[in-house]
Amino acid sequence: MFSDSTAVSLRLPGFSIQAPNLFGLIALACTGLLAFGLYLQHVVGLNPCPMCIVQRYTMVGVLVLGLVGWRLRKALPLAIFGLLLALKAGFGAFVAARQSWLQWYPPEVVSCGRDFYGMIENFPIGRAIPMIFKGSGDCTAIDWTFLGGTIANWSFVWFVGFALAGLLIAVQAWRQR
């Protein structure tokens, strides 16, 4: 019913790539972004806020989906993993957009909340998760910029790119079944 991955190629004007190879490129990009985040944390000395930690774990999830997708060869699994990647990256984009919003429009009363691990250890998960997404004073801090964009802004751009790539893979794999 579904064909091999040799038929699942993504074609854009002037550009063509096999779906598994695009998954591999996504995994490679995630690895580089995570390594850069660790560099900023451990070498430069920037401490991640709770929303940064959520984005980091989401990036690890996208990396894992990219590695699995890189090994797939059939159209149906490629379509499913493309959709999963789009959903996971969409969640990351949501968190990054929320953090960007907090940075652009910081609350009037800024208070430093607990760190991610402190929340998980001291509160039930049902109470800790809303606290994480509420953000703290640390989430509004802008410690690093590149071309005018903060870490959260750039994270949003990357997550949106990964989500669009996942949707493109899913649609093309589904069409070429």
N, C-alpha and C. Protein backbone atom coordinates (compact mmCIF):
# COMPACT_ATOMS: atom_id res chain seq x y z
N MET A 1 0.81 -1.19 0.00
CA MET A 1 0.00 0.00 0.00
C MET A 1 0.86 1.26 0.00
N PHE A 2 1.90 1.30 0.86
CA PHE A 2 2.79 2.45 0.91
C PHE A 2 4.11 2.08 0.25
N SER A 3 4.74 3.05 -0.38
CA SER A 3 5.98 2.79 -1.11
C SER A 3 7.20 2.97 -0.22
N ASP A 4 8.36 2.66 -0.75
CA ASP A 4 9.62 2.85 -0.04
C ASP A 4 9.98 4.32 0.00
N SER A 5 10.98 4.66 0.83
CA SER A 5 11.36 6.05 1.02
C SER A 5 12.04 6.63 -0.22
N THR A 6 12.47 5.79 -1.14
CA THR A 6 13.08 6.33 -2.35
C THR A 6 12.09 7.20 -3.09
N ALA A 7 10.79 6.91 -2.93
CA ALA A 7 9.77 7.72 -3.58
C ALA A 7 9.38 8.92 -2.73
N VAL A 8 9.73 8.90 -1.43
CA VAL A 8 9.35 10.00 -0.55
C VAL A 8 10.48 11.03 -0.55
N SER A 9 10.40 11.91 -1.51
CA SER A 9 11.35 13.01 -1.56
C SER A 9 10.57 14.31 -1.52
N LEU A 10 11.19 15.29 -0.93
CA LEU A 10 10.56 16.59 -0.78
C LEU A 10 11.11 17.50 -1.86
N ARG A 11 10.22 18.00 -2.66
CA ARG A 11 10.63 18.84 -3.77
C ARG A 11 10.06 20.25 -3.61
N LEU A 12 10.97 21.18 -3.58
CA LEU A 12 10.63 22.60 -3.59
C LEU A 12 11.33 23.20 -4.80
N PRO A 13 10.93 24.36 -5.25
CA PRO A 13 11.59 24.95 -6.42
C PRO A 13 13.11 25.06 -6.20
N GLY A 14 13.87 24.34 -7.00
CA GLY A 14 15.32 24.38 -6.93
C GLY A 14 15.92 23.56 -5.81
N PHE A 15 15.12 22.71 -5.15
CA PHE A 15 15.62 21.97 -3.99
C PHE A 15 14.88 20.65 -3.88
N SER A 16 15.63 19.58 -3.64
CA SER A 16 15.04 18.27 -3.44
C SER A 16 15.86 17.51 -2.40
N ILE A 17 15.17 16.83 -1.49
CA ILE A 17 15.85 16.05 -0.46
C ILE A 17 14.96 14.87 -0.08
N GLN A 18 15.57 13.75 0.23
CA GLN A 18 14.84 12.59 0.69
C GLN A 18 14.36 12.85 2.12
N ALA A 19 13.16 12.38 2.45
CA ALA A 19 12.57 12.62 3.77
C ALA A 19 13.48 12.13 4.91
N PRO A 20 14.05 10.91 4.85
CA PRO A 20 14.92 10.50 5.95
C PRO A 20 16.14 11.42 6.12
N ASN A 21 16.66 11.94 5.02
CA ASN A 21 17.80 12.84 5.12
C ASN A 21 17.41 14.16 5.79
N LEU A 22 16.18 14.63 5.55
CA LEU A 22 15.72 15.84 6.22
C LEU A 22 15.58 15.60 7.72
N PHE A 23 15.08 14.43 8.09
CA PHE A 23 15.03 14.07 9.52
C PHE A 23 16.44 14.10 10.10
N GLY A 24 17.42 13.58 9.38
CA GLY A 24 18.80 13.58 9.86
C GLY A 24 19.35 14.98 10.03
N LEU A 25 19.03 15.87 9.08
CA LEU A 25 19.46 17.27 9.20
C LEU A 25 18.82 17.96 10.40
N ILE A 26 17.57 17.64 10.66
CA ILE A 26 16.89 18.20 11.83
C ILE A 26 17.58 17.72 13.10
N ALA A 27 17.90 16.43 13.17
CA ALA A 27 18.60 15.89 14.34
C ALA A 27 19.96 16.55 14.52
N LEU A 28 20.66 16.76 13.42
CA LEU A 28 21.97 17.42 13.48
C LEU A 28 21.84 18.86 13.96
N ALA A 29 20.83 19.58 13.47
CA ALA A 29 20.60 20.96 13.91
C ALA A 29 20.26 21.01 15.39
N CYS A 30 19.43 20.07 15.85
CA CYS A 30 19.08 20.02 17.28
C CYS A 30 20.31 19.76 18.14
N THR A 31 21.18 18.88 17.68
CA THR A 31 22.41 18.59 18.41
C THR A 31 23.25 19.85 18.54
N GLY A 32 23.40 20.59 17.46
CA GLY A 32 24.17 21.83 17.49
C GLY A 32 23.54 22.87 18.41
N LEU A 33 22.22 23.01 18.36
CA LEU A 33 21.54 23.99 19.20
C LEU A 33 21.64 23.62 20.68
N LEU A 34 21.50 22.34 20.99
CA LEU A 34 21.65 21.91 22.38
C LEU A 34 23.08 22.11 22.88
N ALA A 35 24.05 21.83 22.02
CA ALA A 35 25.45 22.03 22.40
C ALA A 35 25.71 23.51 22.65
N PHE A 36 25.13 24.38 21.82
CA PHE A 36 25.31 25.82 22.02
C PHE A 36 24.65 26.27 23.32
N GLY A 37 23.49 25.72 23.64
CA GLY A 37 22.82 26.04 24.89
C GLY A 37 23.66 25.63 26.10
N LEU A 38 24.29 24.45 26.00
CA LEU A 38 25.16 24.00 27.09
C LEU A 38 26.41 24.88 27.19
N TYR A 39 26.90 25.33 26.05
CA TYR A 39 28.04 26.27 26.04
C TYR A 39 27.65 27.57 26.76
N LEU A 40 26.48 28.11 26.42
CA LEU A 40 26.03 29.34 27.07
C LEU A 40 25.86 29.14 28.58
N GLN A 41 25.42 27.94 28.98
CA GLN A 41 25.21 27.69 30.40
C GLN A 41 26.52 27.47 31.14
N HIS A 42 27.37 26.58 30.62
CA HIS A 42 28.54 26.16 31.38
C HIS A 42 29.80 26.98 31.13
N VAL A 43 29.91 27.62 29.98
CA VAL A 43 31.10 28.42 29.68
C VAL A 43 30.83 29.91 29.89
N VAL A 44 29.73 30.40 29.31
CA VAL A 44 29.40 31.82 29.44
C VAL A 44 28.80 32.12 30.81
N GLY A 45 28.11 31.14 31.41
CA GLY A 45 27.56 31.33 32.75
C GLY A 45 26.12 31.77 32.80
N LEU A 46 25.35 31.58 31.72
CA LEU A 46 23.93 31.93 31.73
C LEU A 46 23.13 30.77 32.34
N ASN A 47 22.35 31.06 33.36
CA ASN A 47 21.53 30.03 33.98
C ASN A 47 20.18 29.96 33.28
N PRO A 48 19.75 28.77 32.87
CA PRO A 48 18.46 28.65 32.18
C PRO A 48 17.30 28.82 33.15
N CYS A 49 16.26 29.47 32.69
CA CYS A 49 15.04 29.64 33.47
C CYS A 49 14.16 28.40 33.27
N PRO A 50 13.06 28.28 34.00
CA PRO A 50 12.19 27.12 33.82
C PRO A 50 11.68 26.95 32.39
N MET A 51 11.36 28.03 31.72
CA MET A 51 10.87 27.92 30.34
C MET A 51 12.00 27.49 29.40
N CYS A 52 13.22 27.91 29.69
CA CYS A 52 14.37 27.46 28.90
C CYS A 52 14.58 25.96 29.06
N ILE A 53 14.38 25.47 30.28
CA ILE A 53 14.53 24.04 30.53
C ILE A 53 13.48 23.25 29.75
N VAL A 54 12.24 23.74 29.74
CA VAL A 54 11.18 23.07 28.98
C VAL A 54 11.54 23.06 27.49
N GLN A 55 12.04 24.18 26.98
CA GLN A 55 12.44 24.24 25.57
C GLN A 55 13.59 23.29 25.30
N ARG A 56 14.51 23.17 26.23
CA ARG A 56 15.64 22.26 26.05
C ARG A 56 15.16 20.82 25.97
N TYR A 57 14.26 20.43 26.87
CA TYR A 57 13.73 19.06 26.84
C TYR A 57 12.91 18.82 25.56
N THR A 58 12.20 19.83 25.12
CA THR A 58 11.45 19.69 23.88
C THR A 58 12.40 19.53 22.69
N MET A 59 13.52 20.25 22.72
CA MET A 59 14.52 20.12 21.66
C MET A 59 15.11 18.70 21.66
N VAL A 60 15.32 18.12 22.84
CA VAL A 60 15.79 16.74 22.93
C VAL A 60 14.74 15.81 22.31
N GLY A 61 13.46 16.07 22.56
CA GLY A 61 12.40 15.27 21.95
C GLY A 61 12.40 15.37 20.44
N VAL A 62 12.60 16.56 19.90
CA VAL A 62 12.68 16.74 18.44
C VAL A 62 13.91 16.01 17.90
N LEU A 63 15.01 16.07 18.63
CA LEU A 63 16.23 15.35 18.25
C LEU A 63 15.97 13.85 18.16
N VAL A 64 15.31 13.29 19.15
CA VAL A 64 15.01 11.84 19.15
C VAL A 64 14.10 11.49 17.98
N LEU A 65 13.07 12.28 17.75
CA LEU A 65 12.18 12.03 16.60
C LEU A 65 12.95 12.14 15.29
N GLY A 66 13.87 13.09 15.20
CA GLY A 66 14.69 13.23 14.00
C GLY A 66 15.58 12.02 13.78
N LEU A 67 16.17 11.50 14.85
CA LEU A 67 17.02 10.30 14.72
C LEU A 67 16.22 9.08 14.30
N VAL A 68 15.04 8.91 14.89
CA VAL A 68 14.20 7.77 14.50
C VAL A 68 13.74 7.94 13.05
N GLY A 69 13.30 9.14 12.70
CA GLY A 69 12.85 9.40 11.33
C GLY A 69 13.95 9.21 10.30
N TRP A 70 15.16 9.49 10.69
CA TRP A 70 16.32 9.31 9.80
C TRP A 70 16.49 7.85 9.39
N ARG A 71 16.07 6.93 10.25
CA ARG A 71 16.23 5.50 9.99
C ARG A 71 15.02 4.88 9.29
N LEU A 72 13.93 5.61 9.16
CA LEU A 72 12.72 5.06 8.56
C LEU A 72 12.83 5.01 7.04
N ARG A 73 12.15 4.04 6.45
CA ARG A 73 12.21 3.89 5.00
C ARG A 73 10.84 3.79 4.34
N LYS A 74 9.79 3.58 5.09
CA LYS A 74 8.45 3.43 4.52
C LYS A 74 7.67 4.73 4.66
N ALA A 75 6.74 4.94 3.74
CA ALA A 75 6.02 6.21 3.68
C ALA A 75 5.12 6.42 4.90
N LEU A 76 4.39 5.40 5.34
CA LEU A 76 3.47 5.59 6.47
C LEU A 76 4.21 5.98 7.74
N PRO A 77 5.27 5.26 8.16
CA PRO A 77 5.99 5.71 9.35
C PRO A 77 6.62 7.10 9.17
N LEU A 78 7.07 7.42 7.97
CA LEU A 78 7.61 8.76 7.73
C LEU A 78 6.54 9.82 7.94
N ALA A 79 5.32 9.53 7.46
CA ALA A 79 4.22 10.48 7.64
C ALA A 79 3.87 10.63 9.11
N ILE A 80 3.83 9.53 9.85
CA ILE A 80 3.49 9.58 11.27
C ILE A 80 4.55 10.34 12.05
N PHE A 81 5.83 10.03 11.80
CA PHE A 81 6.89 10.71 12.54
C PHE A 81 7.02 12.17 12.11
N GLY A 82 6.70 12.49 10.87
CA GLY A 82 6.67 13.89 10.46
C GLY A 82 5.62 14.66 11.23
N LEU A 83 4.44 14.05 11.41
CA LEU A 83 3.38 14.70 12.18
C LEU A 83 3.75 14.82 13.65
N LEU A 84 4.35 13.76 14.23
CA LEU A 84 4.80 13.83 15.62
C LEU A 84 5.85 14.92 15.81
N LEU A 85 6.77 15.02 14.86
CA LEU A 85 7.80 16.05 14.93
C LEU A 85 7.17 17.44 14.87
N ALA A 86 6.18 17.61 13.99
CA ALA A 86 5.50 18.90 13.87
C ALA A 86 4.80 19.27 15.17
N LEU A 87 4.16 18.29 15.81
CA LEU A 87 3.47 18.56 17.07
C LEU A 87 4.45 18.90 18.19
N LYS A 88 5.52 18.14 18.29
CA LYS A 88 6.53 18.38 19.33
C LYS A 88 7.18 19.76 19.13
N ALA A 89 7.55 20.06 17.89
CA ALA A 89 8.17 21.35 17.61
C ALA A 89 7.17 22.49 17.79
N GLY A 90 5.91 22.24 17.49
CA GLY A 90 4.87 23.25 17.73
C GLY A 90 4.74 23.58 19.20
N PHE A 91 4.85 22.56 20.06
CA PHE A 91 4.84 22.80 21.50
C PHE A 91 6.04 23.66 21.90
N GLY A 92 7.22 23.34 21.37
CA GLY A 92 8.41 24.14 21.66
C GLY A 92 8.25 25.57 21.20
N ALA A 93 7.64 25.76 20.03
CA ALA A 93 7.41 27.12 19.52
C ALA A 93 6.45 27.88 20.43
N PHE A 94 5.44 27.18 20.96
CA PHE A 94 4.50 27.82 21.88
C PHE A 94 5.22 28.31 23.14
N VAL A 95 6.06 27.47 23.73
CA VAL A 95 6.78 27.85 24.94
C VAL A 95 7.74 29.01 24.65
N ALA A 96 8.44 28.94 23.52
CA ALA A 96 9.37 30.01 23.15
C ALA A 96 8.62 31.32 22.88
N ALA A 97 7.45 31.23 22.26
CA ALA A 97 6.65 32.43 22.02
C ALA A 97 6.17 33.04 23.33
N ARG A 98 5.78 32.19 24.27
CA ARG A 98 5.34 32.69 25.58
C ARG A 98 6.49 33.40 26.29
N GLN A 99 7.69 32.80 26.23
CA GLN A 99 8.84 33.44 26.86
C GLN A 99 9.19 34.75 26.17
N SER A 100 9.11 34.77 24.85
CA SER A 100 9.37 36.02 24.11
C SER A 100 8.38 37.09 24.53
N TRP A 101 7.12 36.71 24.70
CA TRP A 101 6.10 37.65 25.13
C TRP A 101 6.45 38.22 26.51
N LEU A 102 6.88 37.33 27.43
CA LEU A 102 7.28 37.79 28.76
C LEU A 102 8.48 38.73 28.70
N GLN A 103 9.38 38.50 27.74
CA GLN A 103 10.54 39.38 27.62
C GLN A 103 10.16 40.72 27.02
N TRP A 104 9.22 40.73 26.07
CA TRP A 104 8.81 41.99 25.44
C TRP A 104 7.91 42.80 26.36
N TYR A 105 7.07 42.11 27.11
CA TYR A 105 6.12 42.76 28.01
C TYR A 105 6.25 42.17 29.41
N PRO A 106 7.35 42.50 30.10
CA PRO A 106 7.55 41.91 31.43
C PRO A 106 6.46 42.36 32.40
N PRO A 107 6.11 41.47 33.34
CA PRO A 107 5.10 41.87 34.33
C PRO A 107 5.64 43.00 35.20
N GLU A 108 4.72 43.78 35.77
CA GLU A 108 5.13 44.91 36.60
C GLU A 108 5.87 44.45 37.85
N VAL A 109 5.43 43.36 38.42
CA VAL A 109 6.08 42.82 39.61
C VAL A 109 6.86 41.60 39.19
N VAL A 110 8.18 41.74 39.19
CA VAL A 110 9.04 40.63 38.79
C VAL A 110 9.54 39.94 40.04
N SER A 111 9.26 38.66 40.12
CA SER A 111 9.77 37.90 41.27
C SER A 111 10.47 36.67 40.74
N CYS A 112 11.57 36.34 41.36
CA CYS A 112 12.29 35.15 40.97
C CYS A 112 11.62 33.95 41.59
N GLY A 113 11.14 33.05 40.76
CA GLY A 113 10.48 31.85 41.25
C GLY A 113 11.49 30.74 41.50
N ARG A 114 10.97 29.59 41.88
CA ARG A 114 11.82 28.43 42.10
C ARG A 114 12.38 27.96 40.78
N ASP A 115 13.48 27.21 40.85
CA ASP A 115 14.00 26.62 39.63
C ASP A 115 13.16 25.40 39.26
N PHE A 116 13.37 24.89 38.07
CA PHE A 116 12.59 23.78 37.53
C PHE A 116 12.60 22.57 38.45
N TYR A 117 13.77 22.16 38.90
CA TYR A 117 13.88 20.97 39.74
C TYR A 117 13.25 21.19 41.11
N GLY A 118 13.38 22.38 41.65
CA GLY A 118 12.76 22.70 42.92
C GLY A 118 11.24 22.60 42.85
N MET A 119 10.67 23.05 41.74
CA MET A 119 9.21 22.95 41.56
C MET A 119 8.76 21.50 41.49
N ILE A 120 9.50 20.69 40.70
CA ILE A 120 9.11 19.29 40.52
C ILE A 120 9.25 18.53 41.85
N GLU A 121 10.29 18.83 42.62
CA GLU A 121 10.52 18.12 43.87
C GLU A 121 9.55 18.52 44.97
N ASN A 122 9.10 19.75 44.99
CA ASN A 122 8.31 20.25 46.11
C ASN A 122 6.81 20.36 45.84
N PHE A 123 6.39 20.21 44.60
CA PHE A 123 4.97 20.34 44.28
C PHE A 123 4.51 19.14 43.47
N PRO A 124 3.22 18.80 43.58
CA PRO A 124 2.70 17.75 42.70
C PRO A 124 2.77 18.22 41.25
N ILE A 125 2.92 17.26 40.34
CA ILE A 125 3.13 17.60 38.92
C ILE A 125 1.99 18.47 38.37
N GLY A 126 0.77 18.23 38.85
CA GLY A 126 -0.37 19.02 38.39
C GLY A 126 -0.27 20.49 38.79
N ARG A 127 0.45 20.77 39.84
CA ARG A 127 0.65 22.14 40.28
C ARG A 127 1.95 22.73 39.74
N ALA A 128 2.95 21.88 39.53
CA ALA A 128 4.26 22.36 39.07
C ALA A 128 4.23 22.80 37.62
N ILE A 129 3.51 22.07 36.76
CA ILE A 129 3.50 22.41 35.33
C ILE A 129 2.94 23.81 35.08
N PRO A 130 1.80 24.18 35.67
CA PRO A 130 1.35 25.57 35.46
C PRO A 130 2.34 26.60 35.98
N MET A 131 3.04 26.29 37.07
CA MET A 131 4.04 27.22 37.60
C MET A 131 5.19 27.41 36.62
N ILE A 132 5.57 26.34 35.94
CA ILE A 132 6.66 26.42 34.97
C ILE A 132 6.29 27.36 33.84
N PHE A 133 5.05 27.21 33.32
CA PHE A 133 4.65 28.02 32.18
C PHE A 133 4.26 29.44 32.57
N LYS A 134 4.02 29.67 33.84
CA LYS A 134 3.75 31.02 34.29
C LYS A 134 5.00 31.88 34.16
N GLY A 135 6.15 31.27 34.32
CA GLY A 135 7.41 32.02 34.20
C GLY A 135 7.78 32.69 35.51
N SER A 136 8.99 33.13 35.57
CA SER A 136 9.47 33.83 36.76
C SER A 136 10.27 35.04 36.29
N GLY A 137 10.86 35.74 37.24
CA GLY A 137 11.69 36.88 36.88
C GLY A 137 12.82 36.49 35.96
N ASP A 138 13.35 35.30 36.13
CA ASP A 138 14.45 34.84 35.29
C ASP A 138 14.01 34.69 33.83
N CYS A 139 12.75 34.33 33.61
CA CYS A 139 12.28 34.11 32.23
C CYS A 139 12.16 35.42 31.45
N THR A 140 12.09 36.53 32.15
CA THR A 140 11.99 37.82 31.46
C THR A 140 13.35 38.44 31.18
N ALA A 141 14.38 37.88 31.79
CA ALA A 141 15.73 38.44 31.62
C ALA A 141 16.24 38.19 30.21
N ILE A 142 16.89 39.20 29.64
CA ILE A 142 17.52 39.07 28.33
C ILE A 142 19.02 39.17 28.56
N ASP A 143 19.66 38.00 28.58
CA ASP A 143 21.10 37.94 28.88
C ASP A 143 21.97 37.84 27.64
N TRP A 144 21.38 37.49 26.50
CA TRP A 144 22.16 37.24 25.30
C TRP A 144 21.29 37.56 24.10
N THR A 145 21.87 38.21 23.09
CA THR A 145 21.15 38.47 21.85
C THR A 145 22.06 38.22 20.66
N PHE A 146 21.44 37.93 19.54
CA PHE A 146 22.15 37.77 18.28
C PHE A 146 21.26 38.35 17.19
N LEU A 147 21.77 39.32 16.45
CA LEU A 147 21.01 40.02 15.41
C LEU A 147 19.68 40.56 15.95
N GLY A 148 19.71 41.02 17.19
CA GLY A 148 18.52 41.62 17.80
C GLY A 148 17.54 40.63 18.41
N GLY A 149 17.79 39.33 18.26
CA GLY A 149 16.88 38.32 18.80
C GLY A 149 17.44 37.68 20.05
N THR A 150 16.57 37.42 21.01
CA THR A 150 16.97 36.75 22.24
C THR A 150 17.04 35.24 22.00
N ILE A 151 17.48 34.52 23.01
CA ILE A 151 17.52 33.06 22.91
C ILE A 151 16.12 32.52 22.64
N ALA A 152 15.12 33.06 23.34
CA ALA A 152 13.74 32.60 23.15
C ALA A 152 13.26 32.91 21.73
N ASN A 153 13.63 34.07 21.19
CA ASN A 153 13.23 34.42 19.82
C ASN A 153 13.82 33.44 18.81
N TRP A 154 15.10 33.15 18.96
CA TRP A 154 15.76 32.22 18.04
C TRP A 154 15.24 30.80 18.22
N SER A 155 14.95 30.44 19.45
CA SER A 155 14.37 29.12 19.70
C SER A 155 13.03 29.00 18.99
N PHE A 156 12.23 30.05 19.04
CA PHE A 156 10.94 30.07 18.33
C PHE A 156 11.14 29.86 16.84
N VAL A 157 12.10 30.58 16.25
CA VAL A 157 12.35 30.46 14.82
C VAL A 157 12.73 29.03 14.45
N TRP A 158 13.62 28.42 15.22
CA TRP A 158 14.05 27.05 14.94
C TRP A 158 12.90 26.07 15.10
N PHE A 159 12.12 26.21 16.17
CA PHE A 159 11.00 25.29 16.38
C PHE A 159 9.97 25.42 15.25
N VAL A 160 9.68 26.62 14.82
CA VAL A 160 8.74 26.80 13.71
C VAL A 160 9.29 26.14 12.44
N GLY A 161 10.59 26.32 12.18
CA GLY A 161 11.20 25.66 11.02
C GLY A 161 11.10 24.15 11.09
N PHE A 162 11.36 23.59 12.28
CA PHE A 162 11.24 22.14 12.46
C PHE A 162 9.80 21.68 12.28
N ALA A 163 8.84 22.44 12.80
CA ALA A 163 7.43 22.08 12.67
C ALA A 163 7.00 22.10 11.20
N LEU A 164 7.42 23.13 10.47
CA LEU A 164 7.08 23.20 9.04
C LEU A 164 7.72 22.05 8.26
N ALA A 165 8.96 21.71 8.60
CA ALA A 165 9.61 20.57 7.94
C ALA A 165 8.88 19.27 8.24
N GLY A 166 8.46 19.09 9.50
CA GLY A 166 7.70 17.90 9.86
C GLY A 166 6.38 17.81 9.12
N LEU A 167 5.68 18.93 8.98
CA LEU A 167 4.44 18.94 8.21
C LEU A 167 4.69 18.63 6.75
N LEU A 168 5.76 19.19 6.19
CA LEU A 168 6.10 18.93 4.80
C LEU A 168 6.40 17.45 4.59
N ILE A 169 7.14 16.85 5.50
CA ILE A 169 7.44 15.43 5.41
C ILE A 169 6.15 14.61 5.48
N ALA A 170 5.28 14.94 6.44
CA ALA A 170 4.03 14.19 6.61
C ALA A 170 3.15 14.28 5.37
N VAL A 171 3.00 15.48 4.83
CA VAL A 171 2.14 15.66 3.66
C VAL A 171 2.72 14.94 2.44
N GLN A 172 4.01 15.11 2.20
CA GLN A 172 4.63 14.46 1.03
C GLN A 172 4.61 12.94 1.16
N ALA A 173 4.88 12.42 2.33
CA ALA A 173 4.86 10.96 2.53
C ALA A 173 3.46 10.42 2.34
N TRP A 174 2.46 11.16 2.83
CA TRP A 174 1.08 10.71 2.68
C TRP A 174 0.65 10.75 1.21
N ARG A 175 1.06 11.77 0.48
CA ARG A 175 0.71 11.88 -0.95
C ARG A 175 1.38 10.80 -1.79
N GLN A 176 2.58 10.41 -1.41
CA GLN A 176 3.36 9.46 -2.22
C GLN A 176 3.18 8.02 -1.75
N ARG A 177 2.07 7.73 -1.09
CA ARG A 177 1.84 6.36 -0.65
C ARG A 177 1.42 5.46 -1.77
